[in-house]
Amino acid sequence: MFSFFKNQKSSDKDSKKQSYESLKKEAEKSADYKQAFYQNPHTGLKFSLHFVTTLIDGKILQEDVLPSLLSKDFHSFDDLKTLVPVLDIQISTDETQIEQKLYNGYTLLTMDASNRKFAFIATKNEMGRKVSQPEVEFSVVGPKEAFVESLSDNLNLLRKRLPIKEMLVEEFNLGTLTHTRVVLLYIDGLADEANVNTVRQRLRDIDFDQIMDSSFVEQLIADNGKSPFPQLLDSERPDRVASVLAEGKIAIMVDGSPHALIGPTTLVEFFNAYEDYFLNFFISSFLRLVRVFAVAFSILITPIYVAALTYHYELIPKDLMATLITSRQEIPLPPILEALFLELTIELLREAGARLPTKVGQTIGIVGGIVIGTASVEAGITSNVLLILVALAALASFTTPVYRMSNTIRLLRFPFLLFAQLWGLLGIVYCFCLLMGHLLQLTSLGRPFLEPIFPPRVKDLKDALIRLPFSRQGGRPEYLRTKKPFRFPPSEGKKKLDIDE
């Protein structure tokens, strides 16, 4: 009657054609596959419906589709679009679409009178979480909407903020098993064609069996997949994604993921919260500098402690030296083991708090930290000075707005500790040089990851470590090479109109 294509192996892209009877036999092994045979009482036309019950909305099938198919006006496929009150109805002879459509919520309609045609009727049951507040990028001021797992809802949130025809959506079907919908978004006439073509080609080159989340795509298309640094910025805020699209950047969204990927991006953007744009530029610039200081403090404070107590006693002031000697006089462990013990304890508390239910996790984090910290000092395993420093370093690491970069900051402390133990402050300098060498080589979609610091671009510094007023940000970032480099004429930004009443 007709045949369809079925993948035999996830690594094998070629499909083998099977008959309808084979399809029926294979599908009947699954309890949620159903087929129903009908005959129109008025015209005598015989037809059958095939669907997966767990994917379709039975109400649409019972109330909209079946009554229309059993009416006296139904004679052939040509009558479907005028009779059935469903917007998405596709009539096709392409047998390769059957399996894909059937397992994406469509109902398959076949007729005895036509062996070559069949129809797909959209009856998908749309289930998902409603739009709620951001959980990772929460802000006190500004919009309170966040992406959800439904790609259609997420595109709606973006279209609401960018109601222009120039915002283009290109769809890809990735994953040999999951067939996940992935979309590429950009503003035509604004985004650089080289950036668009780079992302488009990398998405087409993905050969993986499952795409469950946007993080899968990020790892598969990153410039350097072995780097601990994320090279695409992820965001759950539709307002932030709409804003970067207006800058000339590119976004990637995955069906089933509440996070969008943004690129090309730079290192400094991972320390900028979108809430900065809702505050006065003096306040937002101050907060950005605080975050940069907090990141440096989080990475370097414990390695400096280990280096100073192991090699550089002469650098410690006399008054502070007395305090350190008092706190460490009964500690049997060298500074490196003492620091590693506390750092690993903090990491264990973080993981325990993240994996347990919310209320229990908060209790474990607070009570566990107090109990273990107090007990370790009283037992003479660690000094109270180092306990304070490690706690402050952990607190400082939480100031990073992007969770993935926060994880990277947590990891960086350990190689710095190792180098500090081996060569003291000189080891810290060595490790910093290695880190900078790695960052200088990193790119995001082919663009420098350290821009605007290196290569230096003075104009892009206006929205990097500090943020200048909007009136001074008439130009878009230079490294994006957008087709429209200016948001508005620079001379217009300073004009203010005063009207005398």
Protein backbone atom coordinates (compact mmCIF):
# COMPACT_ATOMS: atom_id res chain seq x y z
CA MET A 1 0.00 0.00 0.00
CA PHE A 2 2.78 2.37 0.97
CA SER A 3 6.14 2.13 2.66
CA PHE A 4 8.20 4.18 5.06
CA PHE A 5 11.77 4.58 6.16
CA LYS A 6 13.07 3.20 9.43
CA ASN A 7 16.54 3.72 10.87
CA GLN A 8 18.22 0.42 11.65
CA LYS A 9 21.17 1.92 13.57
CA SER A 10 21.77 5.36 15.04
CA SER A 11 25.10 5.61 13.24
CA ASP A 12 23.60 4.56 9.92
CA LYS A 13 21.96 7.43 8.05
CA ASP A 14 20.60 5.22 5.28
CA SER A 15 17.11 3.81 5.78
CA LYS A 16 15.53 0.71 4.39
CA LYS A 17 12.13 0.87 2.78
CA GLN A 18 9.45 -1.34 4.36
CA SER A 19 5.89 -2.14 3.41
CA TYR A 20 2.82 -0.98 5.23
CA GLU A 21 2.35 -4.43 6.74
CA SER A 22 5.88 -4.25 8.14
CA LEU A 23 5.12 -0.83 9.62
CA LYS A 24 1.98 -2.19 11.21
CA LYS A 25 3.82 -5.19 12.63
CA GLU A 26 6.62 -3.11 14.11
CA ALA A 27 4.37 -0.39 15.50
CA GLU A 28 1.98 -2.85 17.14
CA LYS A 29 4.80 -3.91 19.44
CA SER A 30 4.32 -0.57 21.18
CA ALA A 31 1.21 -0.28 23.33
CA ASP A 32 0.64 3.39 22.51
CA TYR A 33 0.40 2.88 18.74
CA LYS A 34 -3.20 2.66 17.55
CA GLN A 35 -4.97 2.33 14.22
CA ALA A 36 -8.66 2.64 13.45
CA PHE A 37 -10.62 1.73 10.31
CA TYR A 38 -13.75 3.60 9.25
CA GLN A 39 -16.25 3.78 6.43
CA ASN A 40 -18.10 6.95 5.61
CA PRO A 41 -21.84 6.14 5.97
CA HIS A 42 -22.81 8.62 3.25
CA THR A 43 -20.22 8.03 0.53
CA GLY A 44 -19.07 4.52 1.43
CA LEU A 45 -15.43 5.69 1.35
CA LYS A 46 -13.12 3.53 3.49
CA PHE A 47 -10.23 5.15 5.33
CA SER A 48 -7.94 4.41 8.27
CA LEU A 49 -6.26 6.53 10.92
CA HIS A 50 -2.89 5.73 12.46
CA PHE A 51 -1.54 7.58 15.48
CA VAL A 52 0.47 7.34 18.69
CA THR A 53 -1.92 7.92 21.58
CA THR A 54 0.71 9.42 23.89
CA LEU A 55 1.54 12.13 21.35
CA ILE A 56 -1.84 13.28 20.08
CA ASP A 57 -4.68 15.27 21.60
CA GLY A 58 -7.64 12.91 21.63
CA LYS A 59 -10.05 15.82 21.90
CA ILE A 60 -8.92 17.19 18.52
CA LEU A 61 -9.30 13.77 16.96
CA GLN A 62 -12.75 13.07 18.39
CA GLU A 63 -14.33 16.51 18.09
CA ASP A 64 -12.69 18.03 15.00
CA VAL A 65 -11.24 15.35 12.75
CA LEU A 66 -13.60 12.35 12.91
CA PRO A 67 -16.94 14.22 12.55
CA SER A 68 -15.59 15.91 9.42
CA LEU A 69 -14.34 12.66 7.91
CA LEU A 70 -17.70 10.97 8.50
CA SER A 71 -19.74 13.79 6.95
CA LYS A 72 -21.54 13.43 3.64
CA ASP A 73 -19.24 15.94 1.94
CA PHE A 74 -16.05 13.89 2.36
CA HIS A 75 -15.16 12.18 -0.93
CA SER A 76 -11.37 12.45 -1.38
CA PHE A 77 -8.16 14.03 -0.11
CA ASP A 78 -9.09 17.27 -1.84
CA ASP A 79 -11.91 17.79 0.66
CA LEU A 80 -9.70 17.57 3.77
CA LYS A 81 -8.53 21.16 4.01
CA THR A 82 -12.06 22.52 3.55
CA LEU A 83 -13.79 20.08 5.92
CA VAL A 84 -11.38 19.41 8.79
CA PRO A 85 -10.96 22.48 11.07
CA VAL A 86 -7.23 21.92 11.58
CA LEU A 87 -4.74 24.43 10.20
CA ASP A 88 -1.85 22.04 9.55
CA ILE A 89 -2.93 19.37 7.06
CA GLN A 90 -0.36 18.02 4.63
CA ILE A 91 -1.17 15.78 1.67
CA SER A 92 1.86 13.94 0.38
CA THR A 93 3.18 11.02 -1.63
CA ASP A 94 6.61 11.14 0.01
CA GLU A 95 6.83 7.89 1.93
CA THR A 96 9.97 8.96 3.78
CA GLN A 97 7.93 11.41 5.91
CA ILE A 98 5.60 8.83 7.44
CA GLU A 99 7.70 7.74 10.38
CA GLN A 100 8.87 11.26 11.22
CA LYS A 101 5.36 12.74 11.13
CA LEU A 102 3.76 9.86 12.98
CA TYR A 103 6.14 10.20 15.91
CA ASN A 104 5.83 13.98 16.00
CA GLY A 105 2.15 14.05 16.90
CA TYR A 106 0.53 13.84 13.47
CA THR A 107 -2.34 11.49 12.63
CA LEU A 108 -1.81 9.52 9.44
CA LEU A 109 -4.83 9.19 7.14
CA THR A 110 -4.92 6.60 4.36
CA MET A 111 -7.68 5.58 1.96
CA ASP A 112 -8.40 2.34 0.18
CA ALA A 113 -9.25 4.30 -2.94
CA SER A 114 -5.76 5.84 -3.14
CA ASN A 115 -2.65 3.75 -2.86
CA ARG A 116 -0.24 6.57 -3.54
CA LYS A 117 -1.52 9.47 -1.42
CA PHE A 118 -1.77 9.91 2.31
CA ALA A 119 -2.41 12.85 4.62
CA PHE A 120 -0.85 14.09 7.84
CA ILE A 121 -3.23 15.89 10.23
CA ALA A 122 -1.66 17.86 13.08
CA THR A 123 -3.16 16.54 16.31
CA LYS A 124 -0.15 16.98 18.59
CA ASN A 125 -0.80 17.33 22.30
CA GLU A 126 1.22 20.35 23.39
CA MET A 127 2.33 19.79 26.99
CA GLY A 128 4.86 21.85 28.87
CA ARG A 129 5.69 24.27 31.63
CA LYS A 130 4.10 27.69 31.64
CA VAL A 131 6.20 30.85 31.37
CA SER A 132 7.62 31.69 34.79
CA GLN A 133 10.29 33.86 36.41
CA PRO A 134 13.98 33.32 35.64
CA GLU A 135 15.70 31.06 38.16
CA VAL A 136 19.36 31.47 37.17
CA GLU A 137 19.36 35.03 35.80
CA PHE A 138 16.85 36.48 38.23
CA SER A 139 16.75 40.28 38.50
CA VAL A 140 15.01 42.57 40.94
CA VAL A 141 14.11 45.07 38.22
CA GLY A 142 13.17 44.37 34.62
CA PRO A 143 10.95 41.74 32.96
CA LYS A 144 10.16 38.56 34.87
CA GLU A 145 9.66 36.17 31.94
CA ALA A 146 11.94 33.23 31.20
CA PHE A 147 12.17 30.68 28.42
CA VAL A 148 10.42 27.34 28.82
CA GLU A 149 10.90 23.94 27.20
CA SER A 150 8.51 24.64 24.32
CA LEU A 151 10.28 26.05 21.26
CA SER A 152 7.06 27.61 19.94
CA ASP A 153 6.49 29.48 23.21
CA ASN A 154 10.09 30.68 23.24
CA LEU A 155 9.85 32.01 19.70
CA ASN A 156 6.65 33.76 20.70
CA LEU A 157 8.48 35.51 23.56
CA LEU A 158 11.14 36.69 21.11
CA ARG A 159 8.71 37.76 18.39
CA LYS A 160 6.85 39.82 20.96
CA ARG A 161 10.02 41.79 21.65
CA LEU A 162 11.23 41.94 18.03
CA PRO A 163 8.11 42.29 15.87
CA ILE A 164 10.04 42.72 12.63
CA LYS A 165 10.13 40.66 9.47
CA GLU A 166 13.92 40.88 9.36
CA MET A 167 14.26 38.47 12.29
CA LEU A 168 14.72 35.18 10.47
CA VAL A 169 14.30 31.68 11.89
CA GLU A 170 16.09 28.78 10.19
CA GLU A 171 15.11 25.31 11.41
CA PHE A 172 17.29 22.20 11.57
CA ASN A 173 16.46 18.63 12.54
CA LEU A 174 19.34 17.19 14.57
CA GLY A 175 19.92 13.85 16.23
CA THR A 176 19.54 10.57 14.38
CA LEU A 177 17.39 9.23 17.23
CA THR A 178 15.79 12.30 18.78
CA HIS A 179 15.14 14.37 15.60
CA THR A 180 15.27 17.50 17.75
CA ARG A 181 14.15 20.82 16.32
CA VAL A 182 16.96 23.36 16.49
CA VAL A 183 16.54 26.92 15.21
CA LEU A 184 19.05 29.55 14.20
CA LEU A 185 17.94 33.15 14.76
CA TYR A 186 19.42 36.37 13.44
CA ILE A 187 18.33 39.73 12.03
CA ASP A 188 18.73 39.84 8.27
CA GLY A 189 20.57 42.91 7.04
CA LEU A 190 22.24 43.35 10.43
CA ALA A 191 24.12 40.18 11.40
CA ASP A 192 27.39 39.45 9.63
CA GLU A 193 26.92 36.81 6.93
CA ALA A 194 30.21 35.14 7.88
CA ASN A 195 28.94 34.52 11.42
CA VAL A 196 25.62 33.21 10.13
CA ASN A 197 27.27 30.89 7.63
CA THR A 198 29.66 29.59 10.29
CA VAL A 199 26.85 28.61 12.64
CA ARG A 200 24.70 27.23 9.82
CA GLN A 201 27.50 25.00 8.59
CA ARG A 202 28.41 23.76 12.06
CA LEU A 203 24.79 22.84 12.78
CA ARG A 204 24.55 20.94 9.51
CA ASP A 205 27.77 19.07 10.31
CA ILE A 206 26.47 17.75 13.65
CA ASP A 207 26.36 13.97 13.53
CA PHE A 208 25.11 12.79 16.91
CA ASP A 209 22.36 10.40 17.93
CA GLN A 210 20.72 12.58 20.59
CA ILE A 211 20.28 16.31 21.13
CA MET A 212 18.53 16.71 24.48
CA ASP A 213 19.45 20.27 25.39
CA SER A 214 21.15 23.38 24.09
CA SER A 215 24.27 22.38 26.05
CA PHE A 216 24.68 19.43 23.66
CA VAL A 217 24.78 21.83 20.72
CA GLU A 218 27.19 24.16 22.53
CA GLN A 219 29.67 21.36 23.09
CA LEU A 220 29.36 20.08 19.52
CA ILE A 221 29.87 23.40 17.71
CA ALA A 222 32.31 25.12 20.11
CA ASP A 223 35.56 26.32 18.58
CA ASN A 224 37.59 24.45 21.21
CA GLY A 225 35.69 21.58 22.79
CA LYS A 226 38.57 20.78 25.17
CA SER A 227 38.54 24.17 26.88
CA PRO A 228 36.90 24.54 30.32
CA PHE A 229 35.65 27.98 29.24
CA PRO A 230 32.22 28.15 27.59
CA GLN A 231 32.53 29.81 24.18
CA LEU A 232 28.83 30.51 23.70
CA LEU A 233 26.79 32.45 26.22
CA ASP A 234 23.61 30.75 27.40
CA SER A 235 20.63 32.72 28.65
CA GLU A 236 17.13 31.97 29.90
CA ARG A 237 15.94 35.56 29.46
CA PRO A 238 14.07 36.45 26.25
CA ASP A 239 14.80 40.14 26.77
CA ARG A 240 18.54 39.46 26.80
CA VAL A 241 18.38 37.32 23.66
CA ALA A 242 16.31 39.96 21.86
CA SER A 243 18.85 42.59 22.89
CA VAL A 244 21.86 40.69 21.54
CA LEU A 245 20.03 39.94 18.30
CA ALA A 246 19.56 43.69 17.92
CA GLU A 247 23.32 44.06 18.39
CA GLY A 248 23.95 41.79 15.42
CA LYS A 249 24.64 38.53 17.22
CA ILE A 250 23.22 35.08 16.55
CA ALA A 251 21.06 32.89 18.79
CA ILE A 252 20.45 29.14 18.79
CA MET A 253 17.41 27.58 20.43
CA VAL A 254 16.63 23.90 20.97
CA ASP A 255 13.20 22.38 21.43
CA GLY A 256 13.02 21.05 24.98
CA SER A 257 15.61 23.46 26.37
CA PRO A 258 14.80 26.62 28.38
CA HIS A 259 18.16 28.17 27.49
CA ALA A 260 19.27 29.92 24.31
CA LEU A 261 22.85 30.03 23.06
CA ILE A 262 24.31 33.38 22.02
CA GLY A 263 27.38 33.98 19.88
CA PRO A 264 29.88 35.20 19.12
CA THR A 265 30.63 36.18 22.69
CA THR A 266 33.58 37.44 24.74
CA LEU A 267 34.98 36.67 28.18
CA VAL A 268 33.83 39.93 29.76
CA GLU A 269 30.21 39.24 28.80
CA PHE A 270 30.12 36.30 31.20
CA PHE A 271 30.58 38.74 34.09
CA ASN A 272 27.91 41.19 32.93
CA ALA A 273 24.40 40.66 34.23
CA TYR A 274 21.56 41.86 32.02
CA GLU A 275 20.16 43.66 35.05
CA ASP A 276 23.05 46.12 34.62
CA TYR A 277 21.13 47.75 31.77
CA PHE A 278 18.15 48.46 34.05
CA LEU A 279 20.29 50.41 36.53
CA ASN A 280 22.08 53.73 36.41
CA PHE A 281 25.36 53.43 34.54
CA PHE A 282 27.36 54.47 37.64
CA ILE A 283 25.82 51.67 39.69
CA SER A 284 26.07 49.06 36.97
CA SER A 285 29.73 49.93 36.29
CA PHE A 286 30.50 49.62 40.00
CA LEU A 287 28.78 46.22 40.17
CA ARG A 288 30.73 44.96 37.17
CA LEU A 289 34.03 45.96 38.76
CA VAL A 290 32.95 44.25 41.99
CA ARG A 291 32.29 41.03 40.05
CA VAL A 292 35.69 41.15 38.37
CA PHE A 293 37.39 41.70 41.73
CA ALA A 294 35.32 38.88 43.26
CA VAL A 295 36.40 36.46 40.52
CA ALA A 296 40.09 37.35 40.97
CA PHE A 297 39.73 37.03 44.75
CA SER A 298 37.97 33.66 44.44
CA ILE A 299 40.70 32.19 42.23
CA LEU A 300 43.83 33.66 43.89
CA ILE A 301 43.25 34.05 47.63
CA THR A 302 43.88 30.44 48.71
CA PRO A 303 46.86 29.96 46.34
CA ILE A 304 48.40 33.18 47.73
CA TYR A 305 47.83 31.86 51.28
CA VAL A 306 49.60 28.59 50.42
CA ALA A 307 52.47 30.38 48.63
CA ALA A 308 53.00 32.89 51.43
CA LEU A 309 53.07 30.31 54.23
CA THR A 310 55.21 27.87 52.26
CA TYR A 311 57.83 30.15 50.67
CA HIS A 312 57.29 33.85 51.41
CA TYR A 313 56.99 34.49 55.15
CA GLU A 314 58.85 37.78 54.66
CA LEU A 315 55.92 39.21 52.69
CA ILE A 316 53.51 38.85 55.60
CA PRO A 317 53.25 41.88 57.96
CA LYS A 318 54.46 41.21 61.52
CA ASP A 319 51.09 41.82 63.13
CA LEU A 320 49.38 39.42 60.71
CA MET A 321 52.20 36.90 61.11
CA ALA A 322 51.47 36.64 64.82
CA THR A 323 47.84 35.86 64.08
CA LEU A 324 48.78 33.23 61.51
CA ILE A 325 51.28 31.58 63.85
CA THR A 326 48.67 31.43 66.60
CA SER A 327 46.05 29.94 64.29
CA ARG A 328 48.46 27.32 62.88
CA GLN A 329 50.53 26.34 65.89
CA GLU A 330 48.54 23.12 66.47
CA ILE A 331 47.79 22.31 62.80
CA PRO A 332 49.58 19.08 61.76
CA LEU A 333 48.91 19.52 58.03
CA PRO A 334 50.98 21.63 55.61
CA PRO A 335 49.15 24.62 54.08
CA ILE A 336 48.45 22.85 50.75
CA LEU A 337 46.66 19.89 52.38
CA GLU A 338 44.80 22.24 54.70
CA ALA A 339 43.61 24.33 51.73
CA LEU A 340 42.67 21.27 49.64
CA PHE A 341 40.67 19.84 52.54
CA LEU A 342 38.58 22.99 52.90
CA GLU A 343 38.19 23.55 49.15
CA LEU A 344 36.96 19.99 48.59
CA THR A 345 34.64 20.32 51.58
CA ILE A 346 33.09 23.42 50.05
CA GLU A 347 32.64 21.61 46.74
CA LEU A 348 30.97 18.66 48.49
CA LEU A 349 28.55 21.01 50.26
CA ARG A 350 27.73 22.73 46.97
CA GLU A 351 27.02 19.47 45.18
CA ALA A 352 24.99 18.10 48.08
CA GLY A 353 22.91 21.27 48.26
CA ALA A 354 22.33 21.27 44.49
CA ARG A 355 21.27 17.62 44.25
CA LEU A 356 18.98 17.46 47.29
CA PRO A 357 15.41 18.86 47.36
CA THR A 358 15.31 22.64 47.73
CA LYS A 359 14.41 22.89 51.42
CA VAL A 360 16.75 20.08 52.48
CA GLY A 361 19.54 21.41 50.25
CA GLN A 362 19.44 24.85 51.86
CA THR A 363 19.59 23.29 55.30
CA ILE A 364 22.52 21.06 54.37
CA GLY A 365 24.44 23.98 52.90
CA ILE A 366 24.03 26.26 55.92
CA VAL A 367 24.17 23.76 58.78
CA GLY A 368 26.80 21.57 57.12
CA GLY A 369 29.09 24.53 56.51
CA ILE A 370 28.81 25.78 60.09
CA VAL A 371 29.20 22.36 61.71
CA ILE A 372 32.08 21.13 59.53
CA GLY A 373 33.92 24.45 59.67
CA THR A 374 33.65 24.77 63.44
CA ALA A 375 34.54 21.13 64.02
CA SER A 376 37.59 21.22 61.74
CA VAL A 377 38.99 24.29 63.53
CA GLU A 378 38.36 22.85 67.00
CA ALA A 379 39.90 19.52 65.95
CA GLY A 380 43.06 21.29 64.82
CA ILE A 381 42.79 20.19 61.16
CA THR A 382 42.49 23.67 59.66
CA SER A 383 43.16 27.20 60.83
CA ASN A 384 40.38 29.70 61.40
CA VAL A 385 42.12 32.22 59.10
CA LEU A 386 42.04 29.86 56.13
CA LEU A 387 38.46 28.90 56.92
CA ILE A 388 37.47 32.57 56.59
CA LEU A 389 39.40 32.95 53.33
CA VAL A 390 37.89 29.83 51.75
CA ALA A 391 34.38 30.89 52.80
CA LEU A 392 34.91 34.35 51.28
CA ALA A 393 36.31 32.78 48.08
CA ALA A 394 33.24 30.53 47.78
CA LEU A 395 30.96 33.52 48.37
CA ALA A 396 32.84 35.57 45.76
CA SER A 397 32.45 32.84 43.14
CA PHE A 398 28.66 33.14 43.40
CA THR A 399 28.79 36.68 42.02
CA THR A 400 29.39 35.32 38.49
CA PRO A 401 26.05 35.81 36.67
CA VAL A 402 26.49 32.85 34.27
CA TYR A 403 26.39 29.41 35.89
CA ARG A 404 28.72 27.73 33.39
CA MET A 405 31.41 30.33 33.93
CA SER A 406 30.94 29.96 37.68
CA ASN A 407 31.82 26.27 37.34
CA THR A 408 34.95 27.19 35.42
CA ILE A 409 36.01 29.61 38.16
CA ARG A 410 35.60 26.83 40.73
CA LEU A 411 37.86 24.57 38.69
CA LEU A 412 40.61 27.14 38.15
CA ARG A 413 41.47 27.38 41.84
CA PHE A 414 42.96 23.87 41.93
CA PRO A 415 45.73 24.27 39.29
CA PHE A 416 46.64 27.61 40.91
CA LEU A 417 46.91 25.82 44.28
CA LEU A 418 49.18 23.18 42.76
CA PHE A 419 51.49 25.74 41.14
CA ALA A 420 51.56 27.78 44.37
CA GLN A 421 52.74 24.72 46.28
CA LEU A 422 55.45 23.93 43.72
CA TRP A 423 56.95 27.40 43.12
CA GLY A 424 55.18 29.87 45.39
CA LEU A 425 54.19 33.24 43.96
CA LEU A 426 56.31 32.51 40.90
CA GLY A 427 54.17 29.42 40.33
CA ILE A 428 51.03 31.57 40.48
CA VAL A 429 52.56 33.82 37.82
CA TYR A 430 53.39 30.76 35.69
CA CYS A 431 49.84 29.47 35.98
CA PHE A 432 48.44 32.90 35.14
CA CYS A 433 50.62 33.06 32.02
CA LEU A 434 49.40 29.62 30.93
CA LEU A 435 45.81 30.72 31.51
CA MET A 436 46.27 33.91 29.49
CA GLY A 437 47.96 31.97 26.69
CA HIS A 438 44.96 29.65 26.53
CA LEU A 439 42.48 32.56 26.54
CA LEU A 440 44.41 34.36 23.79
CA GLN A 441 44.01 31.29 21.57
CA LEU A 442 40.29 30.88 22.25
CA THR A 443 37.72 32.11 19.77
CA SER A 444 33.94 32.22 19.71
CA LEU A 445 32.62 31.42 16.23
CA GLY A 446 35.98 32.54 14.92
CA ARG A 447 36.02 35.85 16.82
CA PRO A 448 38.62 36.66 19.54
CA PHE A 449 37.42 35.55 22.97
CA LEU A 450 39.36 38.27 24.85
CA GLU A 451 38.02 41.16 22.76
CA PRO A 452 38.00 44.14 23.49
CA ILE A 453 41.00 43.60 25.78
CA PHE A 454 42.93 41.77 23.07
CA PRO A 455 42.93 42.70 20.34
CA PRO A 456 42.37 46.10 21.93
CA ARG A 457 39.31 47.93 20.67
CA VAL A 458 38.78 51.14 22.59
CA LYS A 459 35.27 51.74 21.23
CA ASP A 460 34.04 48.37 22.54
CA LEU A 461 35.27 49.16 26.06
CA LYS A 462 32.23 51.39 26.53
CA ASP A 463 30.18 48.30 27.42
CA ALA A 464 32.77 45.90 28.82
CA LEU A 465 34.22 46.23 32.32
CA ILE A 466 32.22 49.43 32.75
CA ARG A 467 29.04 50.63 31.10
CA LEU A 468 28.71 54.11 29.69
CA PRO A 469 25.31 55.81 29.31
CA PHE A 470 23.09 54.74 26.43
CA SER A 471 23.69 58.10 24.76
CA ARG A 472 27.38 57.11 24.41
CA GLN A 473 26.61 53.69 22.93
CA GLY A 474 25.56 54.66 19.45
CA GLY A 475 27.78 52.07 17.79
CA ARG A 476 27.41 48.31 17.82
CA PRO A 477 30.41 46.15 18.86
CA GLU A 478 33.12 46.36 16.22
CA TYR A 479 34.17 42.71 16.45
CA LEU A 480 30.70 41.62 15.26
CA ARG A 481 31.26 43.39 11.91
CA THR A 482 27.58 44.13 11.53
CA LYS A 483 26.15 45.54 8.34
CA LYS A 484 24.76 48.50 10.29
CA PRO A 485 27.53 49.61 12.68
CA PHE A 486 25.43 52.35 14.33
CA ARG A 487 22.28 52.07 16.40
CA PHE A 488 21.66 55.76 15.95
CA PRO A 489 23.71 58.74 14.72
CA PRO A 490 26.23 59.57 17.46
CA SER A 491 25.28 63.25 17.36
CA GLU A 492 21.65 62.42 18.16
CA GLY A 493 22.43 60.61 21.41
CA LYS A 494 23.23 63.77 23.36
CA LYS A 495 20.24 65.81 22.20
CA LYS A 496 17.52 66.51 24.72
CA LEU A 497 14.46 68.52 23.87
CA ASP A 498 13.19 70.97 26.47
CA ILE A 499 9.71 72.37 25.95
CA ASP A 500 8.61 75.50 27.77
CA GLU A 501 5.06 75.24 28.97
